[in-house]
Amino acid sequence: MLREAGIDFEVGLSRAREWPYPGGDPAEYAESLARAKAAGAEGEVVLGADTVVVVDGTVLGKPIDPDDGAAMLRRLSGRMHDVITAVAVQDRGAIRWGHARSRVTFRPLSSAEIVEYVTSGEPLGKAGAYAIQGRAAGFVAELDGDRDTVVGLPLGLVRRLLPKRVGGLIAD
């Protein structure tokens, strides 16, 4: 996505470790994870991001195993949920951050569809146990908001947070 936006980058690993949702505002939680990721990596400009799925006030992170992924998908089946992606940019020791939110409604999913999807391995490592840019695109009945937010990198927000010298983009 960054390449398509004309941003040159290298992928690096952050030393930050994710922690369980402690309660409170899900957007603030996602922002704190994104800030930790940006601060936990080295580079001239570092971008960190984190995505959470919120259904009925409950935050769904990444499934711990296939059974957990299947349980998340059963919970999302035929329901509306919010996807919040937070982005943080570290530039010369200063960190700027924000978040974007989209609303997704899944069509009802059959048990067989859930088993088949979980067996594919795609849900592992994905907030809410699905990837809208993958096979789960067929689960979506309605999307209100930016698809990039659901994918996990809202480019409009990234453009606002990056310094002007990166990719010739204009930042606030």
N, C-alpha and C. Protein backbone atom coordinates (compact mmCIF):
# COMPACT_ATOMS: atom_id res chain seq x y z
N MET A 1 0.82 -1.19 0.00
CA MET A 1 0.00 0.00 0.00
C MET A 1 0.87 1.26 0.00
N LEU A 2 1.95 1.23 0.79
CA LEU A 2 2.83 2.40 0.83
C LEU A 2 3.51 2.61 -0.52
N ARG A 3 3.96 1.53 -1.14
CA ARG A 3 4.58 1.66 -2.47
C ARG A 3 3.60 2.26 -3.48
N GLU A 4 2.37 1.76 -3.45
CA GLU A 4 1.36 2.28 -4.36
C GLU A 4 1.09 3.76 -4.12
N ALA A 5 1.32 4.23 -2.89
CA ALA A 5 1.15 5.64 -2.55
C ALA A 5 2.40 6.46 -2.84
N GLY A 6 3.44 5.80 -3.39
CA GLY A 6 4.66 6.51 -3.74
C GLY A 6 5.61 6.75 -2.59
N ILE A 7 5.47 5.95 -1.54
CA ILE A 7 6.33 6.11 -0.36
C ILE A 7 7.37 5.01 -0.35
N ASP A 8 8.64 5.39 -0.37
CA ASP A 8 9.74 4.44 -0.30
C ASP A 8 9.95 4.07 1.16
N PHE A 9 10.13 2.78 1.45
CA PHE A 9 10.27 2.35 2.84
C PHE A 9 11.04 1.05 2.93
N GLU A 10 11.46 0.74 4.12
CA GLU A 10 12.05 -0.55 4.47
C GLU A 10 11.26 -1.10 5.64
N VAL A 11 11.08 -2.41 5.67
CA VAL A 11 10.38 -3.04 6.78
C VAL A 11 11.39 -3.38 7.85
N GLY A 12 11.10 -3.00 9.07
CA GLY A 12 11.94 -3.32 10.22
C GLY A 12 11.09 -3.88 11.34
N LEU A 13 11.74 -4.53 12.26
CA LEU A 13 11.03 -5.10 13.40
C LEU A 13 11.07 -4.15 14.58
N SER A 14 9.95 -4.03 15.22
CA SER A 14 9.87 -3.25 16.44
C SER A 14 10.16 -4.15 17.63
N ARG A 15 10.78 -3.59 18.63
CA ARG A 15 11.03 -4.34 19.86
C ARG A 15 9.82 -4.34 20.78
N ALA A 16 8.80 -3.62 20.40
CA ALA A 16 7.59 -3.51 21.24
C ALA A 16 6.83 -4.83 21.24
N ARG A 17 6.25 -5.14 22.36
CA ARG A 17 5.40 -6.32 22.50
C ARG A 17 3.97 -5.85 22.74
N GLU A 18 3.03 -6.50 22.07
CA GLU A 18 1.62 -6.16 22.28
C GLU A 18 1.18 -6.66 23.64
N TRP A 19 0.20 -5.99 24.21
CA TRP A 19 -0.34 -6.39 25.50
C TRP A 19 -1.86 -6.48 25.38
N PRO A 20 -2.48 -7.26 26.26
CA PRO A 20 -3.94 -7.43 26.18
C PRO A 20 -4.68 -6.12 26.44
N TYR A 21 -5.85 -6.03 25.87
CA TYR A 21 -6.71 -4.87 26.05
C TYR A 21 -7.05 -4.72 27.52
N PRO A 22 -6.70 -3.57 28.13
CA PRO A 22 -6.94 -3.38 29.56
C PRO A 22 -8.31 -2.80 29.90
N GLY A 23 -9.13 -2.55 28.89
CA GLY A 23 -10.40 -1.88 29.10
C GLY A 23 -10.26 -0.42 28.70
N GLY A 24 -11.37 0.30 28.72
CA GLY A 24 -11.35 1.70 28.33
C GLY A 24 -11.67 1.90 26.86
N ASP A 25 -11.17 3.00 26.32
CA ASP A 25 -11.44 3.37 24.93
C ASP A 25 -10.61 2.52 23.98
N PRO A 26 -11.25 1.74 23.11
CA PRO A 26 -10.50 0.89 22.18
C PRO A 26 -9.57 1.69 21.26
N ALA A 27 -9.97 2.91 20.87
CA ALA A 27 -9.11 3.73 20.01
C ALA A 27 -7.83 4.13 20.75
N GLU A 28 -7.95 4.48 22.02
CA GLU A 28 -6.77 4.83 22.81
C GLU A 28 -5.86 3.62 22.98
N TYR A 29 -6.43 2.44 23.14
CA TYR A 29 -5.64 1.21 23.23
C TYR A 29 -4.86 0.98 21.93
N ALA A 30 -5.54 1.07 20.79
CA ALA A 30 -4.87 0.88 19.50
C ALA A 30 -3.78 1.93 19.30
N GLU A 31 -4.05 3.17 19.69
CA GLU A 31 -3.04 4.23 19.57
C GLU A 31 -1.83 3.94 20.45
N SER A 32 -2.06 3.43 21.65
CA SER A 32 -0.92 3.13 22.53
C SER A 32 -0.05 2.02 21.94
N LEU A 33 -0.68 1.03 21.31
CA LEU A 33 0.09 -0.04 20.66
C LEU A 33 0.88 0.51 19.46
N ALA A 34 0.25 1.36 18.67
CA ALA A 34 0.94 1.95 17.51
C ALA A 34 2.12 2.80 17.96
N ARG A 35 1.94 3.59 19.03
CA ARG A 35 3.05 4.42 19.54
C ARG A 35 4.19 3.54 20.03
N ALA A 36 3.86 2.47 20.74
CA ALA A 36 4.90 1.56 21.24
C ALA A 36 5.67 0.94 20.08
N LYS A 37 4.97 0.55 19.03
CA LYS A 37 5.64 -0.03 17.86
C LYS A 37 6.55 0.98 17.19
N ALA A 38 6.08 2.22 17.03
CA ALA A 38 6.91 3.25 16.38
C ALA A 38 8.12 3.59 17.24
N ALA A 39 7.93 3.65 18.55
CA ALA A 39 9.04 4.00 19.44
C ALA A 39 10.01 2.83 19.62
N GLY A 40 9.54 1.62 19.35
CA GLY A 40 10.37 0.44 19.57
C GLY A 40 11.19 0.02 18.38
N ALA A 41 11.25 0.85 17.35
CA ALA A 41 12.03 0.52 16.15
C ALA A 41 12.98 1.67 15.85
N GLU A 42 14.02 1.36 15.10
CA GLU A 42 15.00 2.39 14.75
C GLU A 42 14.88 2.77 13.29
N GLY A 43 15.11 4.04 13.03
CA GLY A 43 15.07 4.56 11.67
C GLY A 43 14.86 6.05 11.70
N GLU A 44 15.12 6.69 10.55
CA GLU A 44 14.95 8.13 10.49
C GLU A 44 13.50 8.52 10.74
N VAL A 45 12.60 7.85 10.04
CA VAL A 45 11.16 8.02 10.26
C VAL A 45 10.59 6.62 10.41
N VAL A 46 9.86 6.40 11.49
CA VAL A 46 9.32 5.06 11.76
C VAL A 46 7.81 5.16 11.87
N LEU A 47 7.13 4.27 11.15
CA LEU A 47 5.68 4.21 11.18
C LEU A 47 5.28 2.93 11.90
N GLY A 48 4.43 3.05 12.89
CA GLY A 48 3.87 1.88 13.59
C GLY A 48 2.36 1.93 13.46
N ALA A 49 1.72 0.77 13.38
CA ALA A 49 0.26 0.74 13.25
C ALA A 49 -0.29 -0.46 14.01
N ASP A 50 -1.53 -0.33 14.43
CA ASP A 50 -2.21 -1.45 15.07
C ASP A 50 -3.70 -1.34 14.79
N THR A 51 -4.32 -2.50 14.61
CA THR A 51 -5.74 -2.56 14.28
C THR A 51 -6.47 -3.41 15.30
N VAL A 52 -7.65 -2.95 15.70
CA VAL A 52 -8.52 -3.75 16.56
C VAL A 52 -9.92 -3.75 15.95
N VAL A 53 -10.64 -4.81 16.25
CA VAL A 53 -12.04 -4.95 15.84
C VAL A 53 -12.87 -4.85 17.11
N VAL A 54 -13.96 -4.08 17.06
CA VAL A 54 -14.80 -3.87 18.23
C VAL A 54 -16.23 -4.28 17.90
N VAL A 55 -16.75 -5.24 18.66
CA VAL A 55 -18.13 -5.68 18.48
C VAL A 55 -18.79 -5.70 19.86
N ASP A 56 -19.92 -5.03 19.97
CA ASP A 56 -20.64 -4.94 21.25
C ASP A 56 -19.74 -4.48 22.39
N GLY A 57 -18.84 -3.55 22.11
CA GLY A 57 -17.96 -3.01 23.14
C GLY A 57 -16.78 -3.91 23.51
N THR A 58 -16.69 -5.07 22.87
CA THR A 58 -15.59 -5.99 23.13
C THR A 58 -14.53 -5.85 22.05
N VAL A 59 -13.27 -5.76 22.46
CA VAL A 59 -12.17 -5.65 21.51
C VAL A 59 -11.70 -7.04 21.13
N LEU A 60 -11.67 -7.28 19.81
CA LEU A 60 -11.13 -8.52 19.28
C LEU A 60 -9.78 -8.20 18.66
N GLY A 61 -8.75 -8.78 19.21
CA GLY A 61 -7.42 -8.62 18.64
C GLY A 61 -7.16 -9.76 17.67
N LYS A 62 -5.93 -10.25 17.70
CA LYS A 62 -5.55 -11.37 16.84
C LYS A 62 -5.90 -12.68 17.56
N PRO A 63 -6.43 -13.65 16.84
CA PRO A 63 -6.77 -14.92 17.51
C PRO A 63 -5.51 -15.64 17.99
N ILE A 64 -5.64 -16.31 19.13
CA ILE A 64 -4.48 -17.03 19.67
C ILE A 64 -4.30 -18.39 19.02
N ASP A 65 -5.37 -18.91 18.40
CA ASP A 65 -5.29 -20.20 17.73
C ASP A 65 -6.52 -20.32 16.81
N PRO A 66 -6.59 -21.38 15.99
CA PRO A 66 -7.73 -21.51 15.08
C PRO A 66 -9.09 -21.53 15.77
N ASP A 67 -9.19 -22.17 16.94
CA ASP A 67 -10.47 -22.20 17.65
C ASP A 67 -10.91 -20.80 18.06
N ASP A 68 -9.95 -19.99 18.52
CA ASP A 68 -10.25 -18.61 18.89
C ASP A 68 -10.69 -17.83 17.66
N GLY A 69 -10.03 -18.06 16.52
CA GLY A 69 -10.41 -17.40 15.28
C GLY A 69 -11.83 -17.76 14.86
N ALA A 70 -12.17 -19.04 14.98
CA ALA A 70 -13.53 -19.48 14.63
C ALA A 70 -14.55 -18.83 15.54
N ALA A 71 -14.24 -18.72 16.82
CA ALA A 71 -15.17 -18.09 17.77
C ALA A 71 -15.37 -16.62 17.41
N MET A 72 -14.30 -15.93 17.02
CA MET A 72 -14.44 -14.53 16.61
C MET A 72 -15.33 -14.40 15.39
N LEU A 73 -15.12 -15.26 14.41
CA LEU A 73 -15.92 -15.20 13.18
C LEU A 73 -17.39 -15.51 13.45
N ARG A 74 -17.67 -16.46 14.35
CA ARG A 74 -19.07 -16.73 14.72
C ARG A 74 -19.68 -15.49 15.36
N ARG A 75 -18.90 -14.79 16.15
CA ARG A 75 -19.40 -13.58 16.82
C ARG A 75 -19.69 -12.47 15.81
N LEU A 76 -18.88 -12.39 14.74
CA LEU A 76 -19.05 -11.34 13.74
C LEU A 76 -20.11 -11.69 12.68
N SER A 77 -20.45 -12.95 12.56
CA SER A 77 -21.38 -13.41 11.54
C SER A 77 -22.73 -12.69 11.62
N GLY A 78 -23.12 -12.09 10.50
CA GLY A 78 -24.41 -11.41 10.43
C GLY A 78 -24.49 -10.14 11.25
N ARG A 79 -23.33 -9.62 11.66
CA ARG A 79 -23.30 -8.47 12.58
C ARG A 79 -22.48 -7.32 12.04
N MET A 80 -22.72 -6.16 12.61
CA MET A 80 -21.93 -4.98 12.34
C MET A 80 -20.85 -4.86 13.42
N HIS A 81 -19.68 -4.37 13.02
CA HIS A 81 -18.60 -4.12 13.97
C HIS A 81 -17.76 -2.95 13.49
N ASP A 82 -17.00 -2.38 14.39
CA ASP A 82 -16.08 -1.29 14.05
C ASP A 82 -14.68 -1.83 13.92
N VAL A 83 -13.93 -1.27 12.98
CA VAL A 83 -12.51 -1.57 12.84
C VAL A 83 -11.77 -0.25 13.06
N ILE A 84 -10.86 -0.26 14.02
CA ILE A 84 -10.08 0.92 14.36
C ILE A 84 -8.62 0.61 14.06
N THR A 85 -8.02 1.43 13.22
CA THR A 85 -6.58 1.31 12.97
C THR A 85 -5.92 2.59 13.43
N ALA A 86 -4.94 2.44 14.32
CA ALA A 86 -4.16 3.56 14.82
C ALA A 86 -2.82 3.56 14.12
N VAL A 87 -2.31 4.75 13.87
CA VAL A 87 -1.02 4.93 13.23
C VAL A 87 -0.22 5.91 14.07
N ALA A 88 1.07 5.61 14.25
CA ALA A 88 1.99 6.52 14.93
C ALA A 88 3.23 6.66 14.07
N VAL A 89 3.75 7.87 13.99
CA VAL A 89 4.96 8.15 13.23
C VAL A 89 5.97 8.81 14.15
N GLN A 90 7.12 8.16 14.25
CA GLN A 90 8.24 8.73 15.01
C GLN A 90 9.18 9.42 14.03
N ASP A 91 9.47 10.66 14.28
CA ASP A 91 10.37 11.43 13.43
C ASP A 91 11.29 12.26 14.31
N ARG A 92 12.56 11.88 14.31
CA ARG A 92 13.57 12.62 15.09
C ARG A 92 13.20 12.71 16.57
N GLY A 93 12.67 11.62 17.10
CA GLY A 93 12.36 11.54 18.52
C GLY A 93 10.97 12.00 18.90
N ALA A 94 10.27 12.68 18.02
CA ALA A 94 8.90 13.12 18.30
C ALA A 94 7.93 12.12 17.67
N ILE A 95 6.83 11.85 18.38
CA ILE A 95 5.84 10.91 17.86
C ILE A 95 4.51 11.64 17.68
N ARG A 96 3.92 11.44 16.49
CA ARG A 96 2.57 11.93 16.18
C ARG A 96 1.71 10.70 15.94
N TRP A 97 0.44 10.78 16.32
CA TRP A 97 -0.42 9.62 16.15
C TRP A 97 -1.87 10.03 15.96
N GLY A 98 -2.65 9.05 15.54
CA GLY A 98 -4.08 9.23 15.37
C GLY A 98 -4.70 7.89 15.01
N HIS A 99 -5.99 7.90 14.77
CA HIS A 99 -6.67 6.66 14.39
C HIS A 99 -7.78 6.95 13.38
N ALA A 100 -8.16 5.91 12.68
CA ALA A 100 -9.27 5.97 11.74
C ALA A 100 -10.22 4.82 12.09
N ARG A 101 -11.48 5.00 11.76
CA ARG A 101 -12.50 4.00 12.10
C ARG A 101 -13.39 3.74 10.89
N SER A 102 -13.68 2.48 10.66
CA SER A 102 -14.64 2.07 9.62
C SER A 102 -15.62 1.10 10.25
N ARG A 103 -16.79 1.03 9.68
CA ARG A 103 -17.83 0.12 10.17
C ARG A 103 -18.07 -0.95 9.11
N VAL A 104 -18.01 -2.21 9.54
CA VAL A 104 -18.16 -3.34 8.62
C VAL A 104 -19.34 -4.19 9.10
N THR A 105 -20.14 -4.65 8.15
CA THR A 105 -21.21 -5.59 8.46
C THR A 105 -20.95 -6.86 7.68
N PHE A 106 -20.89 -7.98 8.39
CA PHE A 106 -20.74 -9.29 7.75
C PHE A 106 -22.10 -9.85 7.43
N ARG A 107 -22.20 -10.54 6.33
CA ARG A 107 -23.39 -11.33 6.04
C ARG A 107 -23.35 -12.55 6.98
N PRO A 108 -24.45 -13.25 7.17
CA PRO A 108 -24.41 -14.47 7.99
C PRO A 108 -23.46 -15.50 7.37
N LEU A 109 -22.62 -16.09 8.21
CA LEU A 109 -21.66 -17.09 7.75
C LEU A 109 -22.10 -18.47 8.22
N SER A 110 -21.94 -19.44 7.37
CA SER A 110 -22.27 -20.82 7.76
C SER A 110 -21.10 -21.41 8.54
N SER A 111 -21.38 -22.43 9.32
CA SER A 111 -20.32 -23.13 10.06
C SER A 111 -19.27 -23.66 9.11
N ALA A 112 -19.70 -24.17 7.96
CA ALA A 112 -18.76 -24.72 6.98
C ALA A 112 -17.84 -23.63 6.44
N GLU A 113 -18.39 -22.44 6.18
CA GLU A 113 -17.56 -21.32 5.69
C GLU A 113 -16.52 -20.93 6.73
N ILE A 114 -16.93 -20.89 7.98
CA ILE A 114 -16.00 -20.51 9.04
C ILE A 114 -14.89 -21.54 9.15
N VAL A 115 -15.24 -22.82 9.15
CA VAL A 115 -14.23 -23.88 9.25
C VAL A 115 -13.28 -23.81 8.06
N GLU A 116 -13.82 -23.66 6.87
CA GLU A 116 -12.98 -23.59 5.66
C GLU A 116 -12.02 -22.40 5.73
N TYR A 117 -12.53 -21.24 6.17
CA TYR A 117 -11.70 -20.04 6.24
C TYR A 117 -10.62 -20.19 7.30
N VAL A 118 -10.98 -20.68 8.47
CA VAL A 118 -10.00 -20.86 9.54
C VAL A 118 -8.94 -21.86 9.13
N THR A 119 -9.35 -22.92 8.45
CA THR A 119 -8.41 -23.95 7.99
C THR A 119 -7.41 -23.38 6.98
N SER A 120 -7.78 -22.33 6.27
CA SER A 120 -6.87 -21.71 5.30
C SER A 120 -5.67 -21.05 5.97
N GLY A 121 -5.79 -20.75 7.26
CA GLY A 121 -4.72 -20.08 7.98
C GLY A 121 -4.75 -18.57 7.87
N GLU A 122 -5.57 -18.04 6.98
CA GLU A 122 -5.61 -16.59 6.77
C GLU A 122 -6.00 -15.79 8.02
N PRO A 123 -6.88 -16.29 8.88
CA PRO A 123 -7.30 -15.48 10.03
C PRO A 123 -6.21 -15.26 11.09
N LEU A 124 -5.23 -16.15 11.15
CA LEU A 124 -4.21 -16.02 12.18
C LEU A 124 -3.38 -14.77 11.94
N GLY A 125 -3.15 -14.02 13.00
CA GLY A 125 -2.38 -12.79 12.90
C GLY A 125 -3.19 -11.60 12.42
N LYS A 126 -4.51 -11.76 12.31
CA LYS A 126 -5.38 -10.68 11.83
C LYS A 126 -6.37 -10.29 12.92
N ALA A 127 -6.50 -9.00 13.17
CA ALA A 127 -7.48 -8.51 14.14
C ALA A 127 -8.87 -8.97 13.74
N GLY A 128 -9.62 -9.52 14.68
CA GLY A 128 -10.96 -10.01 14.39
C GLY A 128 -10.97 -11.29 13.59
N ALA A 129 -9.81 -11.85 13.33
CA ALA A 129 -9.65 -13.14 12.62
C ALA A 129 -10.05 -13.09 11.15
N TYR A 130 -9.88 -11.91 10.52
CA TYR A 130 -10.17 -11.88 9.08
C TYR A 130 -9.33 -10.83 8.37
N ALA A 131 -9.15 -11.05 7.08
CA ALA A 131 -8.44 -10.13 6.20
C ALA A 131 -9.39 -9.72 5.07
N ILE A 132 -9.85 -8.48 5.09
CA ILE A 132 -10.77 -8.01 4.06
C ILE A 132 -10.11 -8.00 2.69
N GLN A 133 -8.78 -7.91 2.66
CA GLN A 133 -8.05 -7.92 1.40
C GLN A 133 -7.82 -9.34 0.89
N GLY A 134 -8.32 -10.31 1.62
CA GLY A 134 -8.18 -11.71 1.24
C GLY A 134 -9.52 -12.34 0.99
N ARG A 135 -9.61 -13.60 1.37
CA ARG A 135 -10.83 -14.38 1.13
C ARG A 135 -12.04 -13.85 1.89
N ALA A 136 -11.80 -13.16 3.00
CA ALA A 136 -12.92 -12.65 3.80
C ALA A 136 -13.64 -11.49 3.13
N ALA A 137 -13.13 -10.98 2.03
CA ALA A 137 -13.85 -9.93 1.30
C ALA A 137 -15.27 -10.39 0.97
N GLY A 138 -15.44 -11.68 0.75
CA GLY A 138 -16.76 -12.22 0.45
C GLY A 138 -17.71 -12.27 1.64
N PHE A 139 -17.20 -12.03 2.85
CA PHE A 139 -18.03 -12.02 4.04
C PHE A 139 -18.73 -10.67 4.25
N VAL A 140 -18.22 -9.64 3.58
CA VAL A 140 -18.67 -8.27 3.84
C VAL A 140 -19.95 -7.96 3.09
N ALA A 141 -20.98 -7.62 3.85
CA ALA A 141 -22.25 -7.19 3.26
C ALA A 141 -22.28 -5.69 3.07
N GLU A 142 -21.59 -4.96 3.97
CA GLU A 142 -21.60 -3.50 3.91
C GLU A 142 -20.33 -2.96 4.55
N LEU A 143 -19.80 -1.90 3.94
CA LEU A 143 -18.62 -1.21 4.47
C LEU A 143 -18.92 0.27 4.50
N ASP A 144 -18.86 0.86 5.69
CA ASP A 144 -19.06 2.29 5.86
C ASP A 144 -17.73 2.86 6.36
N GLY A 145 -17.00 3.48 5.46
CA GLY A 145 -15.69 4.02 5.82
C GLY A 145 -14.65 3.58 4.81
N ASP A 146 -13.42 3.79 5.17
CA ASP A 146 -12.29 3.55 4.30
C ASP A 146 -11.83 2.10 4.39
N ARG A 147 -11.76 1.42 3.27
CA ARG A 147 -11.30 0.03 3.23
C ARG A 147 -9.87 -0.08 3.75
N ASP A 148 -9.04 0.94 3.49
CA ASP A 148 -7.65 0.91 3.96
C ASP A 148 -7.57 0.81 5.49
N THR A 149 -8.54 1.38 6.17
CA THR A 149 -8.58 1.27 7.63
C THR A 149 -8.78 -0.18 8.03
N VAL A 150 -9.64 -0.89 7.33
CA VAL A 150 -9.93 -2.29 7.64
C VAL A 150 -8.72 -3.17 7.27
N VAL A 151 -8.04 -2.83 6.19
CA VAL A 151 -6.83 -3.56 5.80
C VAL A 151 -5.75 -3.39 6.86
N GLY A 152 -5.72 -2.22 7.50
CA GLY A 152 -4.76 -1.99 8.58
C GLY A 152 -3.77 -0.87 8.33
N LEU A 153 -4.04 -0.03 7.33
CA LEU A 153 -3.15 1.11 7.08
C LEU A 153 -3.92 2.23 6.36
N PRO A 154 -4.61 3.07 7.13
CA PRO A 154 -5.38 4.16 6.52
C PRO A 154 -4.45 5.21 5.91
N LEU A 155 -4.33 5.19 4.60
CA LEU A 155 -3.33 6.02 3.92
C LEU A 155 -3.58 7.52 4.10
N GLY A 156 -4.82 7.94 4.19
CA GLY A 156 -5.08 9.36 4.44
C GLY A 156 -4.47 9.81 5.75
N LEU A 157 -4.63 9.02 6.78
CA LEU A 157 -4.04 9.33 8.08
C LEU A 157 -2.53 9.26 8.01
N VAL A 158 -2.00 8.24 7.35
CA VAL A 158 -0.54 8.13 7.19
C VAL A 158 0.01 9.38 6.53
N ARG A 159 -0.64 9.85 5.47
CA ARG A 159 -0.18 11.05 4.76
C ARG A 159 -0.15 12.27 5.67
N ARG A 160 -1.16 12.38 6.54
CA ARG A 160 -1.20 13.53 7.45
C ARG A 160 -0.11 13.46 8.52
N LEU A 161 0.27 12.25 8.91
CA LEU A 161 1.24 12.10 10.00
C LEU A 161 2.69 12.12 9.54
N LEU A 162 2.94 11.69 8.30
CA LEU A 162 4.32 11.66 7.81
C LEU A 162 4.87 13.07 7.64
N PRO A 163 6.17 13.25 7.90
CA PRO A 163 6.77 14.57 7.65
C PRO A 163 6.77 14.89 6.16
N LYS A 164 6.79 16.18 5.84
CA LYS A 164 6.71 16.63 4.45
C LYS A 164 7.82 16.03 3.59
N ARG A 165 8.98 15.79 4.15
CA ARG A 165 10.11 15.33 3.34
C ARG A 165 9.99 13.86 2.91
N VAL A 166 9.03 13.11 3.46
CA VAL A 166 8.87 11.70 3.13
C VAL A 166 7.89 11.57 1.98
N GLY A 167 8.37 11.12 0.85
CA GLY A 167 7.48 10.85 -0.29
C GLY A 167 6.83 12.10 -0.87
N GLY A 168 7.33 13.28 -0.51
CA GLY A 168 6.75 14.50 -1.04
C GLY A 168 5.33 14.74 -0.58
N LEU A 169 4.95 14.10 0.52
CA LEU A 169 3.58 14.24 1.01
C LEU A 169 3.44 15.46 1.90
N ILE A 170 2.25 16.00 1.96
CA ILE A 170 1.98 17.15 2.81
C ILE A 170 1.44 16.66 4.13
N ALA A 171 2.07 17.08 5.21
CA ALA A 171 1.62 16.71 6.55
C ALA A 171 1.13 17.97 7.27
N ASP A 172 0.28 17.76 8.27
CA ASP A 172 -0.22 18.89 9.08
C ASP A 172 0.94 19.59 9.77
